[in-house]
Amino acid sequence: MENRKKHKVVFIHPDLGIGGAERLVLDVAVALAEKGNEVSFVTNHFDKTHAFQELQDGQFPVRVVGDWIPRSVCGICQALCAYLRMIFLALVYVLFIDKEEKPDVYFIDQIPMAVPFIKWTGGKVIYYCHHPDLLASPPGGRLKKIYRMPINWLELKGTSLADIILVNSKYTASVFRKTFPQITKDIHILYPTISASYQNDIENYNKIKTINELVPEIKTTKDQVIFLSINRYHPAKQLELALSGLEALKNKLSPNDWQRVHLIMAGGYDPQSSINAKYFIDLVTLAREKNLITKVVFLKSLSDDLKVDLLLACDCLIYTPINEHFGIVPLEAMSAAKPVIACNSGGPCETVENEVTGFLCEPNATSLAAAMSKILDKNNSTKMGNEGKKRLQRYFSYSIFVNSINDVVGTVLNEGSDQSKEDVGSEMNLTEKEVGKNENVENLSGDVINLENAEMNNDPVEQIKKKSEDSVGKKDSLSPQKEHPIEIKNSNESEEGNSPRVNKVEKVEITKTEEKSPIKEEFQNEKVVDEQVAEESSDRSLVSNQVEPNVSESKNELLVEGIMEPSLDRNETKSATTTFLQNETASNSPPHEKVELADEALAHDV
């Protein structure tokens, strides 16, 4: 395993900004570089002031191609433009650059349009599917369907040509099969991990700060219980569920116990995004309506240092997204030995062990409040946190991630030790006899998800259910049995306990008991052409009209009372009155200085 041949690996990614997808590909790059491989990036857009530290420091060379092509046409057709930008990048690379650099393998994610061009030159391709792109676009009318048809077809064909397809969880594997029943080749699960630098920060932390030092609005008291929510301020993250759960918890507790409880809602906030701005205001309004404003502190765009401080100082993480593809934040909490309360769907079902490392709840206030009430027992929460840290090291550690991705590269190039080929290759080529014995593996590409109770507007799988019913039926009768999604398993890992990495893939059941939310219903009625790139819209004028009644204007800034913004210095926090929207026409400073928190967006898709 250690005598690996060194390879040249080129990453093709549409936009090297700050987000979960970018964090994942960067972690893959670091993991490959640690084993001596030569790594470089090719992208449509790269801004050094808005990137992760490894790229700011120039750890990997970055080549930008096609940034001059517009991202949209009059604010629409973002998906089409994204595909055109990637096609241009691929053509330029294979015609003018590929012969000079001669990469051994390409790592492509998000937009698979580069795959056919790379395969045309005989290149080897690993494609990482974070989630099918076509599911990021909300359903629309006839024109929308006509517009999406060629884009969806290109995604299907591009993905199918990859030599190896990776996904981030069993849940995403099941959604992949439902979305692309025509793709019958194996898919493999490569779980994301926490970066080595982040884990070192946690392990080498000298002194845990008090909540009062980090958030002055919360006075340090004996036996206080701090719940922490970390997510982007976006409707898809279901943050209103945390507020509803807190309200229900209030009704369950005695006055004395209620005095102990506080909630910190911290999230990525892009001042350029009208969706972020409106959703943030709606959450603040909802907290006031529920008379929780004195119990909730809102923070925007945490620095990595402050995020570590808060995770170490809190008592429990609340993670509210429903059907999240994977979710890196629960792993970050587990690294800090904190229990996790999450919805019983998607990736958290694989990372959180119910009633051992935290709680998996139905997406409603009653279920969430019941779990939160158990965290008030400090002995119980401490025990769960310690179990979570053990689980992280056992199944999602950085060392497992490094070995797994290097095994994948060796496999696609038909190289590596006999042991590594056995670990990866044998799972890629399950015989029909083995599949017959392993009913759960077969279920993953068939009836994995219970769709009967799913709601069209909420479940991404349900959005394509009707379109794929006929295709699924054909696939079940035509696809060879050996082609089923499986996992890449490290040769040294144990199969004991509740392991997400064992060969058998457990059946995933997803039920919907979600309460209706006025915030969510409002956002479902909005027309968004492509959610994946909606937050990149340049139309900032939309934000200025989305200000709640309790807003005052001063010095060309809009201020909201009672909301706190974290300082970029880990030792400081700013006052409770927070600037959340900037009047960009009033300043001549560069964008990264004018919007001071824009470049502090959270890592790992926070």
Foldseek 3Di string as FASTA:
>chain_A
DLPDDAFEEEEEEAEQFFFQVNQQVVLLQVLNVVSPHAYAYEYQYDDLLGHDPCVVVVVHHYHHAQVPQDCADVQFPNLVSSLVSSLRSLVCCLVPPCVPVVGQEYEYEDQLLSQVSCVVVVHAYEYEYAAQQVLLFADDDPVLCVSCVVRLVSRLVSQLNHLAYEYAALLRLLLVLLSRVVRQAAHAHQHGFDHPVLLCCLVPPDDQDAVCLFPVLDDDDPLAAEEEEEAALAVQQVPVLVLLLLLVLVVVDDPVNNVRAAYEYEYEAALLFLRSLQSVQVSCVVCVVSVNLSRYAYAYQAFSLLVSSCLLHHAEYEGERAQNQADHVLLSSLSSLFAYEYAQHHNVVQLHDDQQLAHHFASHNVRSSVRVVVSSPVVSGNRSSPSSNVLCCQARHSVFSSVQSSLVSCVSSVHDDPVSCCQPVCLSFPDLVRLVVQVQQQCSSAVQEDCPQDDCLNDSSNVCNVVCVVVNVVSVVPRDSRRTYFYRADPPHDPDDSHSHDGRHHRRYDHHPHDDDPVSVVVSPDRDRGSVCSRVRNPSVSNVVSDDPQWDDDPQFIKDAQHWYQDNDSSDTDDRIDGRHHPVVVDPDDPCVRPVSNSSHDHSND
